[in-house]
Amino acid sequence: MTRAFLLSFVTRQVLLSPREKVAASYRHSWLVWEPGAWVAPPPGLHMTLVPAPPQEAMRPVQGDALCFELALTEGQTGLRLGRAADCDLVINDGTVSRSHLWLTREPEDWAAQVLPSSRGATSDGRVLSPGTRLPLRRGTRLQLGDVVLTYYDPQGLLLRAAEQGARAIRH
């Protein structure tokens, strides 16, 4: 099962935990669902299943990003992203197709392919044709309908979380 965390949770870990421990916990690449299309449910409305009741400090804040881990399990050749419940990465947004993207692990990084049955996608303003392989590099932005996803390698995610933490401390 693919792990997903709020960026604010990752930021707290980066700020409060030893660097080596955090790096070991987040050793895979990530797709970050940027704030905008995703809205956190109000407190008291539990739409996400969690193993224990969330503490008040761990509740999502308005505009928080959601981070999806890109990790294959044994026998998997890729990850399917879409709004269907049987996708590996589920984006619960009506502007995303049931099966929208196919993500594959390449020797150095990941690559994305828009699936033929999808509504299409853009990357950094460029229209992606179905079946075209797009190598993902740190900071690559994919737009699927109203949803914007940003790709990060492990170091990139931790750098973003550290920058977010530094901004929060200054304000």
N, C-alpha and C. Protein backbone atom coordinates (compact mmCIF):
# COMPACT_ATOMS: atom_id res chain seq x y z
N MET A 1 0.84 -1.19 0.00
CA MET A 1 0.00 0.00 0.00
C MET A 1 0.88 1.24 0.00
N THR A 2 0.50 2.21 -0.78
CA THR A 2 1.25 3.46 -0.90
C THR A 2 0.99 4.34 0.31
N ARG A 3 2.06 4.92 0.85
CA ARG A 3 1.92 5.82 1.99
C ARG A 3 1.63 7.24 1.49
N ALA A 4 0.87 7.99 2.28
CA ALA A 4 0.61 9.39 1.99
C ALA A 4 0.63 10.17 3.31
N PHE A 5 1.23 11.34 3.26
CA PHE A 5 1.33 12.20 4.45
C PHE A 5 1.04 13.63 4.05
N LEU A 6 0.51 14.40 4.99
CA LEU A 6 0.39 15.84 4.79
C LEU A 6 1.79 16.45 4.86
N LEU A 7 2.05 17.45 4.03
CA LEU A 7 3.36 18.10 4.03
C LEU A 7 3.66 18.72 5.40
N SER A 8 2.65 19.21 6.09
CA SER A 8 2.87 19.79 7.43
C SER A 8 3.40 18.73 8.39
N PHE A 9 2.98 17.47 8.25
CA PHE A 9 3.48 16.38 9.09
C PHE A 9 4.96 16.11 8.78
N VAL A 10 5.31 16.05 7.49
CA VAL A 10 6.70 15.83 7.08
C VAL A 10 7.56 16.99 7.60
N THR A 11 7.05 18.21 7.50
CA THR A 11 7.79 19.39 7.96
C THR A 11 8.09 19.28 9.45
N ARG A 12 7.10 18.87 10.26
CA ARG A 12 7.33 18.71 11.70
C ARG A 12 8.44 17.69 11.96
N GLN A 13 8.42 16.59 11.20
CA GLN A 13 9.46 15.58 11.40
C GLN A 13 10.84 16.11 11.02
N VAL A 14 10.91 16.87 9.94
CA VAL A 14 12.19 17.45 9.51
C VAL A 14 12.72 18.41 10.58
N LEU A 15 11.84 19.17 11.18
CA LEU A 15 12.26 20.15 12.19
C LEU A 15 12.61 19.52 13.54
N LEU A 16 11.94 18.42 13.89
CA LEU A 16 12.07 17.89 15.25
C LEU A 16 12.88 16.60 15.37
N SER A 17 13.16 15.92 14.28
CA SER A 17 13.83 14.61 14.35
C SER A 17 15.24 14.69 13.79
N PRO A 18 16.11 13.77 14.20
CA PRO A 18 17.47 13.73 13.63
C PRO A 18 17.42 13.52 12.12
N ARG A 19 18.27 14.23 11.42
CA ARG A 19 18.29 14.21 9.94
C ARG A 19 18.38 12.80 9.36
N GLU A 20 19.24 11.95 9.95
CA GLU A 20 19.43 10.60 9.43
C GLU A 20 18.15 9.78 9.55
N LYS A 21 17.45 9.95 10.66
CA LYS A 21 16.20 9.22 10.89
C LYS A 21 15.13 9.64 9.88
N VAL A 22 15.04 10.93 9.63
CA VAL A 22 14.06 11.44 8.67
C VAL A 22 14.40 10.96 7.26
N ALA A 23 15.68 11.05 6.89
CA ALA A 23 16.10 10.60 5.57
C ALA A 23 15.80 9.12 5.36
N ALA A 24 15.96 8.30 6.41
CA ALA A 24 15.67 6.87 6.30
C ALA A 24 14.17 6.63 6.16
N SER A 25 13.35 7.47 6.78
CA SER A 25 11.89 7.31 6.70
C SER A 25 11.32 7.74 5.35
N TYR A 26 12.01 8.66 4.67
CA TYR A 26 11.51 9.21 3.40
C TYR A 26 12.54 8.96 2.30
N ARG A 27 12.86 7.70 2.06
CA ARG A 27 13.92 7.35 1.12
C ARG A 27 13.44 7.16 -0.31
N HIS A 28 12.14 7.27 -0.55
CA HIS A 28 11.59 7.11 -1.90
C HIS A 28 11.25 8.47 -2.50
N SER A 29 10.91 8.46 -3.78
CA SER A 29 10.45 9.68 -4.44
C SER A 29 8.98 9.93 -4.08
N TRP A 30 8.51 11.17 -4.35
CA TRP A 30 7.17 11.57 -3.91
C TRP A 30 6.48 12.40 -4.99
N LEU A 31 5.15 12.29 -5.06
CA LEU A 31 4.31 13.21 -5.81
C LEU A 31 3.53 14.01 -4.78
N VAL A 32 3.58 15.32 -4.89
CA VAL A 32 2.90 16.20 -3.94
C VAL A 32 1.69 16.83 -4.61
N TRP A 33 0.51 16.57 -4.05
CA TRP A 33 -0.74 17.17 -4.50
C TRP A 33 -0.77 18.57 -3.89
N GLU A 34 -0.57 19.56 -4.74
CA GLU A 34 -0.44 20.94 -4.29
C GLU A 34 -1.78 21.49 -3.80
N PRO A 35 -1.73 22.42 -2.83
CA PRO A 35 -2.96 23.04 -2.35
C PRO A 35 -3.69 23.75 -3.49
N GLY A 36 -4.96 23.84 -3.35
CA GLY A 36 -5.78 24.50 -4.36
C GLY A 36 -7.01 23.66 -4.62
N ALA A 37 -6.83 22.55 -5.31
CA ALA A 37 -7.97 21.68 -5.60
C ALA A 37 -8.33 20.83 -4.38
N TRP A 38 -7.35 20.49 -3.54
CA TRP A 38 -7.60 19.66 -2.37
C TRP A 38 -7.91 20.55 -1.19
N VAL A 39 -9.02 20.28 -0.51
CA VAL A 39 -9.41 21.05 0.66
C VAL A 39 -9.55 20.09 1.83
N ALA A 40 -8.90 20.41 2.92
CA ALA A 40 -8.98 19.56 4.12
C ALA A 40 -10.40 19.58 4.67
N PRO A 41 -10.90 18.44 5.14
CA PRO A 41 -12.23 18.42 5.75
C PRO A 41 -12.21 19.20 7.06
N PRO A 42 -13.35 19.75 7.45
CA PRO A 42 -13.39 20.49 8.73
C PRO A 42 -13.16 19.54 9.90
N PRO A 43 -12.64 20.07 11.02
CA PRO A 43 -12.42 19.22 12.21
C PRO A 43 -13.72 18.51 12.59
N GLY A 44 -13.60 17.26 12.97
CA GLY A 44 -14.77 16.49 13.37
C GLY A 44 -15.35 15.65 12.25
N LEU A 45 -15.06 16.00 11.00
CA LEU A 45 -15.53 15.24 9.86
C LEU A 45 -14.38 14.36 9.40
N HIS A 46 -14.44 13.08 9.70
CA HIS A 46 -13.35 12.16 9.40
C HIS A 46 -13.60 11.47 8.07
N MET A 47 -12.92 11.95 7.03
CA MET A 47 -13.05 11.38 5.70
C MET A 47 -11.89 10.44 5.39
N THR A 48 -10.84 10.52 6.17
CA THR A 48 -9.67 9.68 5.98
C THR A 48 -9.59 8.71 7.14
N LEU A 49 -9.33 7.44 6.84
CA LEU A 49 -9.19 6.46 7.91
C LEU A 49 -7.78 6.53 8.46
N VAL A 50 -7.66 6.64 9.76
CA VAL A 50 -6.36 6.69 10.42
C VAL A 50 -6.34 5.62 11.51
N PRO A 51 -5.16 5.09 11.85
CA PRO A 51 -5.12 4.03 12.86
C PRO A 51 -5.50 4.49 14.26
N ALA A 52 -5.36 5.76 14.55
CA ALA A 52 -5.73 6.29 15.86
C ALA A 52 -6.32 7.68 15.65
N PRO A 53 -7.16 8.15 16.58
CA PRO A 53 -7.73 9.49 16.40
C PRO A 53 -6.62 10.53 16.31
N PRO A 54 -6.70 11.44 15.33
CA PRO A 54 -5.64 12.45 15.21
C PRO A 54 -5.67 13.43 16.38
N GLN A 55 -4.49 13.84 16.78
CA GLN A 55 -4.39 14.85 17.82
C GLN A 55 -4.62 16.22 17.17
N GLU A 56 -5.03 17.18 17.95
CA GLU A 56 -5.35 18.50 17.40
C GLU A 56 -4.18 19.08 16.61
N ALA A 57 -2.94 18.88 17.07
CA ALA A 57 -1.77 19.43 16.38
C ALA A 57 -1.53 18.76 15.02
N MET A 58 -2.12 17.60 14.80
CA MET A 58 -1.88 16.87 13.57
C MET A 58 -3.01 17.06 12.55
N ARG A 59 -4.00 17.83 12.87
CA ARG A 59 -5.10 18.06 11.92
C ARG A 59 -4.58 18.84 10.71
N PRO A 60 -5.08 18.52 9.51
CA PRO A 60 -4.63 19.25 8.34
C PRO A 60 -5.07 20.71 8.40
N VAL A 61 -4.24 21.57 7.89
CA VAL A 61 -4.58 22.98 7.82
C VAL A 61 -5.05 23.29 6.40
N GLN A 62 -5.87 24.32 6.27
CA GLN A 62 -6.33 24.73 4.95
C GLN A 62 -5.14 25.02 4.06
N GLY A 63 -5.11 24.44 2.88
CA GLY A 63 -4.02 24.69 1.96
C GLY A 63 -2.83 23.78 2.15
N ASP A 64 -2.94 22.74 2.96
CA ASP A 64 -1.84 21.81 3.17
C ASP A 64 -1.72 20.89 1.95
N ALA A 65 -0.50 20.56 1.58
CA ALA A 65 -0.25 19.66 0.45
C ALA A 65 -0.27 18.22 0.94
N LEU A 66 -0.64 17.30 0.05
CA LEU A 66 -0.67 15.87 0.36
C LEU A 66 0.42 15.19 -0.43
N CYS A 67 1.30 14.44 0.26
CA CYS A 67 2.47 13.81 -0.35
C CYS A 67 2.23 12.31 -0.51
N PHE A 68 2.36 11.81 -1.75
CA PHE A 68 2.21 10.39 -2.06
C PHE A 68 3.58 9.77 -2.30
N GLU A 69 3.89 8.71 -1.57
CA GLU A 69 5.15 8.02 -1.76
C GLU A 69 5.11 7.17 -3.04
N LEU A 70 6.18 7.24 -3.81
CA LEU A 70 6.31 6.42 -5.02
C LEU A 70 7.22 5.25 -4.70
N ALA A 71 6.64 4.13 -4.37
CA ALA A 71 7.41 2.94 -4.01
C ALA A 71 6.67 1.72 -4.56
N LEU A 72 7.40 0.88 -5.27
CA LEU A 72 6.83 -0.35 -5.82
C LEU A 72 6.95 -1.48 -4.82
N THR A 73 5.93 -2.32 -4.76
CA THR A 73 6.01 -3.53 -3.97
C THR A 73 6.49 -4.65 -4.88
N GLU A 74 6.87 -5.75 -4.30
CA GLU A 74 7.39 -6.87 -5.09
C GLU A 74 6.37 -7.29 -6.15
N GLY A 75 6.84 -7.40 -7.39
CA GLY A 75 5.98 -7.80 -8.49
C GLY A 75 5.31 -6.65 -9.23
N GLN A 76 5.32 -5.46 -8.66
CA GLN A 76 4.72 -4.31 -9.34
C GLN A 76 5.68 -3.77 -10.40
N THR A 77 5.12 -3.37 -11.55
CA THR A 77 5.95 -2.77 -12.60
C THR A 77 5.72 -1.27 -12.69
N GLY A 78 4.67 -0.79 -12.04
CA GLY A 78 4.37 0.64 -12.05
C GLY A 78 3.24 0.95 -11.09
N LEU A 79 2.88 2.22 -11.02
CA LEU A 79 1.80 2.69 -10.16
C LEU A 79 0.77 3.40 -11.03
N ARG A 80 -0.50 3.05 -10.82
CA ARG A 80 -1.58 3.71 -11.55
C ARG A 80 -2.16 4.80 -10.67
N LEU A 81 -2.30 5.99 -11.24
CA LEU A 81 -2.84 7.15 -10.52
C LEU A 81 -4.15 7.54 -11.17
N GLY A 82 -5.17 7.77 -10.36
CA GLY A 82 -6.48 8.21 -10.85
C GLY A 82 -7.44 8.35 -9.69
N ARG A 83 -8.71 8.56 -10.00
CA ARG A 83 -9.68 8.72 -8.92
C ARG A 83 -10.38 7.41 -8.55
N ALA A 84 -10.18 6.33 -9.31
CA ALA A 84 -10.80 5.04 -8.99
C ALA A 84 -10.19 4.48 -7.71
N ALA A 85 -11.01 3.83 -6.91
CA ALA A 85 -10.57 3.30 -5.62
C ALA A 85 -9.50 2.22 -5.77
N ASP A 86 -9.43 1.55 -6.93
CA ASP A 86 -8.43 0.49 -7.10
C ASP A 86 -7.10 1.00 -7.64
N CYS A 87 -6.94 2.31 -7.81
CA CYS A 87 -5.65 2.87 -8.23
C CYS A 87 -4.65 2.80 -7.08
N ASP A 88 -3.38 2.77 -7.42
CA ASP A 88 -2.33 2.77 -6.39
C ASP A 88 -2.26 4.12 -5.68
N LEU A 89 -2.45 5.20 -6.44
CA LEU A 89 -2.49 6.56 -5.90
C LEU A 89 -3.86 7.13 -6.27
N VAL A 90 -4.69 7.37 -5.27
CA VAL A 90 -6.06 7.83 -5.51
C VAL A 90 -6.13 9.34 -5.29
N ILE A 91 -6.56 10.04 -6.34
CA ILE A 91 -6.80 11.49 -6.28
C ILE A 91 -8.31 11.67 -6.37
N ASN A 92 -8.93 11.98 -5.25
CA ASN A 92 -10.38 12.08 -5.18
C ASN A 92 -10.84 13.46 -5.65
N ASP A 93 -10.80 13.64 -6.96
CA ASP A 93 -11.18 14.91 -7.57
C ASP A 93 -11.89 14.59 -8.89
N GLY A 94 -13.04 15.19 -9.11
CA GLY A 94 -13.84 14.92 -10.29
C GLY A 94 -13.20 15.31 -11.61
N THR A 95 -12.16 16.14 -11.58
CA THR A 95 -11.50 16.53 -12.83
C THR A 95 -10.38 15.56 -13.22
N VAL A 96 -10.12 14.58 -12.37
CA VAL A 96 -9.12 13.54 -12.65
C VAL A 96 -9.86 12.31 -13.15
N SER A 97 -9.33 11.67 -14.20
CA SER A 97 -9.95 10.46 -14.75
C SER A 97 -9.80 9.30 -13.78
N ARG A 98 -10.67 8.28 -13.96
CA ARG A 98 -10.59 7.10 -13.10
C ARG A 98 -9.19 6.48 -13.14
N SER A 99 -8.61 6.38 -14.32
CA SER A 99 -7.22 5.94 -14.51
C SER A 99 -6.55 7.00 -15.37
N HIS A 100 -5.70 7.79 -14.78
CA HIS A 100 -5.18 8.96 -15.47
C HIS A 100 -3.71 8.81 -15.91
N LEU A 101 -2.86 8.35 -14.99
CA LEU A 101 -1.42 8.25 -15.26
C LEU A 101 -0.89 6.87 -14.91
N TRP A 102 0.15 6.46 -15.62
CA TRP A 102 0.92 5.27 -15.28
C TRP A 102 2.33 5.75 -14.96
N LEU A 103 2.79 5.45 -13.74
CA LEU A 103 4.12 5.87 -13.28
C LEU A 103 5.03 4.65 -13.23
N THR A 104 6.21 4.75 -13.84
CA THR A 104 7.16 3.66 -13.84
C THR A 104 8.50 4.11 -13.28
N ARG A 105 9.17 3.17 -12.64
CA ARG A 105 10.50 3.45 -12.08
C ARG A 105 11.52 3.27 -13.19
N GLU A 106 12.31 4.30 -13.40
CA GLU A 106 13.39 4.27 -14.38
C GLU A 106 14.69 4.05 -13.62
N PRO A 107 15.80 3.76 -14.32
CA PRO A 107 17.06 3.54 -13.60
C PRO A 107 17.44 4.68 -12.65
N GLU A 108 17.23 5.93 -13.07
CA GLU A 108 17.65 7.06 -12.23
C GLU A 108 16.50 7.76 -11.51
N ASP A 109 15.31 7.71 -12.05
CA ASP A 109 14.17 8.41 -11.48
C ASP A 109 12.89 7.72 -11.90
N TRP A 110 11.81 8.47 -11.97
CA TRP A 110 10.51 7.96 -12.39
C TRP A 110 10.11 8.59 -13.71
N ALA A 111 9.14 7.98 -14.38
CA ALA A 111 8.57 8.53 -15.61
C ALA A 111 7.05 8.39 -15.51
N ALA A 112 6.34 9.29 -16.19
CA ALA A 112 4.87 9.27 -16.21
C ALA A 112 4.39 9.13 -17.64
N GLN A 113 3.29 8.39 -17.81
CA GLN A 113 2.61 8.28 -19.10
C GLN A 113 1.14 8.57 -18.88
N VAL A 114 0.58 9.42 -19.72
CA VAL A 114 -0.85 9.71 -19.67
C VAL A 114 -1.55 8.51 -20.30
N LEU A 115 -2.54 7.96 -19.61
CA LEU A 115 -3.27 6.81 -20.13
C LEU A 115 -4.27 7.24 -21.20
N PRO A 116 -4.51 6.41 -22.21
CA PRO A 116 -5.40 6.77 -23.33
C PRO A 116 -6.83 7.10 -22.89
N SER A 117 -7.30 6.48 -21.82
CA SER A 117 -8.68 6.72 -21.38
C SER A 117 -8.84 7.99 -20.55
N SER A 118 -7.74 8.71 -20.31
CA SER A 118 -7.79 9.88 -19.43
C SER A 118 -8.20 11.15 -20.18
N ARG A 119 -8.41 12.19 -19.40
CA ARG A 119 -8.75 13.50 -19.96
C ARG A 119 -7.51 14.30 -20.37
N GLY A 120 -6.34 13.68 -20.33
CA GLY A 120 -5.11 14.36 -20.71
C GLY A 120 -4.43 15.03 -19.53
N ALA A 121 -3.27 15.60 -19.81
CA ALA A 121 -2.48 16.25 -18.76
C ALA A 121 -1.52 17.23 -19.41
N THR A 122 -0.98 18.12 -18.59
CA THR A 122 0.08 19.01 -19.04
C THR A 122 1.23 18.90 -18.04
N SER A 123 2.42 19.22 -18.51
CA SER A 123 3.60 19.27 -17.64
C SER A 123 4.31 20.57 -17.90
N ASP A 124 4.37 21.40 -16.87
CA ASP A 124 5.02 22.70 -16.99
C ASP A 124 4.51 23.45 -18.21
N GLY A 125 3.18 23.38 -18.46
CA GLY A 125 2.53 24.09 -19.56
C GLY A 125 2.52 23.36 -20.89
N ARG A 126 3.20 22.23 -21.00
CA ARG A 126 3.26 21.47 -22.25
C ARG A 126 2.21 20.35 -22.23
N VAL A 127 1.40 20.26 -23.29
CA VAL A 127 0.38 19.21 -23.38
C VAL A 127 1.07 17.86 -23.59
N LEU A 128 0.64 16.87 -22.79
CA LEU A 128 1.20 15.52 -22.91
C LEU A 128 0.22 14.64 -23.67
N SER A 129 0.68 14.02 -24.73
CA SER A 129 -0.14 13.11 -25.51
C SER A 129 -0.23 11.77 -24.80
N PRO A 130 -1.37 11.07 -24.88
CA PRO A 130 -1.47 9.74 -24.28
C PRO A 130 -0.37 8.82 -24.80
N GLY A 131 0.24 8.09 -23.88
CA GLY A 131 1.29 7.15 -24.25
C GLY A 131 2.69 7.74 -24.27
N THR A 132 2.81 9.06 -24.29
CA THR A 132 4.13 9.69 -24.30
C THR A 132 4.77 9.54 -22.92
N ARG A 133 6.02 9.08 -22.90
CA ARG A 133 6.77 8.91 -21.65
C ARG A 133 7.42 10.24 -21.27
N LEU A 134 7.16 10.70 -20.06
CA LEU A 134 7.74 11.93 -19.55
C LEU A 134 8.65 11.61 -18.37
N PRO A 135 9.98 11.77 -18.52
CA PRO A 135 10.86 11.57 -17.36
C PRO A 135 10.56 12.63 -16.30
N LEU A 136 10.46 12.22 -15.06
CA LEU A 136 10.18 13.15 -13.97
C LEU A 136 11.49 13.53 -13.30
N ARG A 137 11.67 14.82 -13.11
CA ARG A 137 12.84 15.37 -12.43
C ARG A 137 12.35 16.24 -11.28
N ARG A 138 13.21 16.49 -10.31
CA ARG A 138 12.81 17.29 -9.15
C ARG A 138 12.15 18.59 -9.60
N GLY A 139 10.92 18.80 -9.11
CA GLY A 139 10.18 20.01 -9.43
C GLY A 139 9.28 19.92 -10.65
N THR A 140 9.28 18.78 -11.38
CA THR A 140 8.37 18.64 -12.52
C THR A 140 6.94 18.75 -12.02
N ARG A 141 6.16 19.60 -12.71
CA ARG A 141 4.75 19.80 -12.33
C ARG A 141 3.87 19.15 -13.38
N LEU A 142 2.90 18.39 -12.90
CA LEU A 142 1.91 17.75 -13.75
C LEU A 142 0.55 18.32 -13.39
N GLN A 143 -0.24 18.67 -14.40
CA GLN A 143 -1.60 19.13 -14.13
C GLN A 143 -2.57 18.16 -14.75
N LEU A 144 -3.43 17.59 -13.90
CA LEU A 144 -4.49 16.67 -14.31
C LEU A 144 -5.80 17.34 -13.95
N GLY A 145 -6.50 17.90 -14.91
CA GLY A 145 -7.70 18.67 -14.59
C GLY A 145 -7.34 19.85 -13.71
N ASP A 146 -8.01 19.95 -12.55
CA ASP A 146 -7.72 21.04 -11.61
C ASP A 146 -6.59 20.69 -10.63
N VAL A 147 -6.10 19.47 -10.69
CA VAL A 147 -5.11 18.99 -9.72
C VAL A 147 -3.70 19.24 -10.25
N VAL A 148 -2.86 19.82 -9.40
CA VAL A 148 -1.45 20.02 -9.73
C VAL A 148 -0.62 19.12 -8.82
N LEU A 149 0.25 18.32 -9.44
CA LEU A 149 1.15 17.42 -8.72
C LEU A 149 2.58 17.85 -9.00
N THR A 150 3.43 17.84 -8.00
CA THR A 150 4.85 18.16 -8.17
C THR A 150 5.66 16.95 -7.76
N TYR A 151 6.63 16.58 -8.60
CA TYR A 151 7.49 15.43 -8.34
C TYR A 151 8.73 15.86 -7.55
N TYR A 152 9.07 15.06 -6.54
CA TYR A 152 10.28 15.29 -5.75
C TYR A 152 11.02 13.99 -5.54
N ASP A 153 12.34 14.03 -5.69
CA ASP A 153 13.17 12.91 -5.25
C ASP A 153 13.24 13.02 -3.73
N PRO A 154 13.81 12.02 -3.04
CA PRO A 154 13.79 12.07 -1.56
C PRO A 154 14.40 13.35 -0.97
N GLN A 155 15.56 13.77 -1.50
CA GLN A 155 16.20 14.97 -0.97
C GLN A 155 15.36 16.21 -1.26
N GLY A 156 14.71 16.26 -2.42
CA GLY A 156 13.88 17.39 -2.78
C GLY A 156 12.69 17.57 -1.85
N LEU A 157 12.05 16.46 -1.45
CA LEU A 157 10.92 16.55 -0.53
C LEU A 157 11.38 17.09 0.82
N LEU A 158 12.50 16.58 1.31
CA LEU A 158 12.98 17.04 2.61
C LEU A 158 13.43 18.50 2.56
N LEU A 159 13.99 18.92 1.45
CA LEU A 159 14.37 20.32 1.28
C LEU A 159 13.13 21.21 1.29
N ARG A 160 12.09 20.79 0.57
CA ARG A 160 10.85 21.58 0.56
C ARG A 160 10.26 21.66 1.96
N ALA A 161 10.24 20.54 2.69
CA ALA A 161 9.70 20.55 4.05
C ALA A 161 10.51 21.46 4.96
N ALA A 162 11.85 21.43 4.81
CA ALA A 162 12.70 22.30 5.63
C ALA A 162 12.45 23.77 5.33
N GLU A 163 12.29 24.10 4.04
CA GLU A 163 11.99 25.49 3.65
C GLU A 163 10.65 25.93 4.19
N GLN A 164 9.65 25.04 4.14
CA GLN A 164 8.34 25.38 4.68
C GLN A 164 8.43 25.60 6.18
N GLY A 165 9.20 24.77 6.88
CA GLY A 165 9.38 24.94 8.32
C GLY A 165 10.07 26.24 8.65
N ALA A 166 11.09 26.61 7.86
CA ALA A 166 11.80 27.88 8.10
C ALA A 166 10.86 29.07 7.90
N ARG A 167 10.00 29.01 6.88
CA ARG A 167 9.02 30.08 6.67
C ARG A 167 8.05 30.18 7.82
N ALA A 168 7.61 29.04 8.34
CA ALA A 168 6.66 29.03 9.45
C ALA A 168 7.28 29.62 10.70
N ILE A 169 8.56 29.34 10.93
CA ILE A 169 9.24 29.86 12.11
C ILE A 169 9.40 31.38 12.02
N ARG A 170 9.70 31.89 10.81
CA ARG A 170 9.88 33.34 10.63
C ARG A 170 8.58 34.10 10.83
N HIS A 171 7.44 33.46 10.58
CA HIS A 171 6.14 34.16 10.67
C HIS A 171 5.53 33.90 11.97
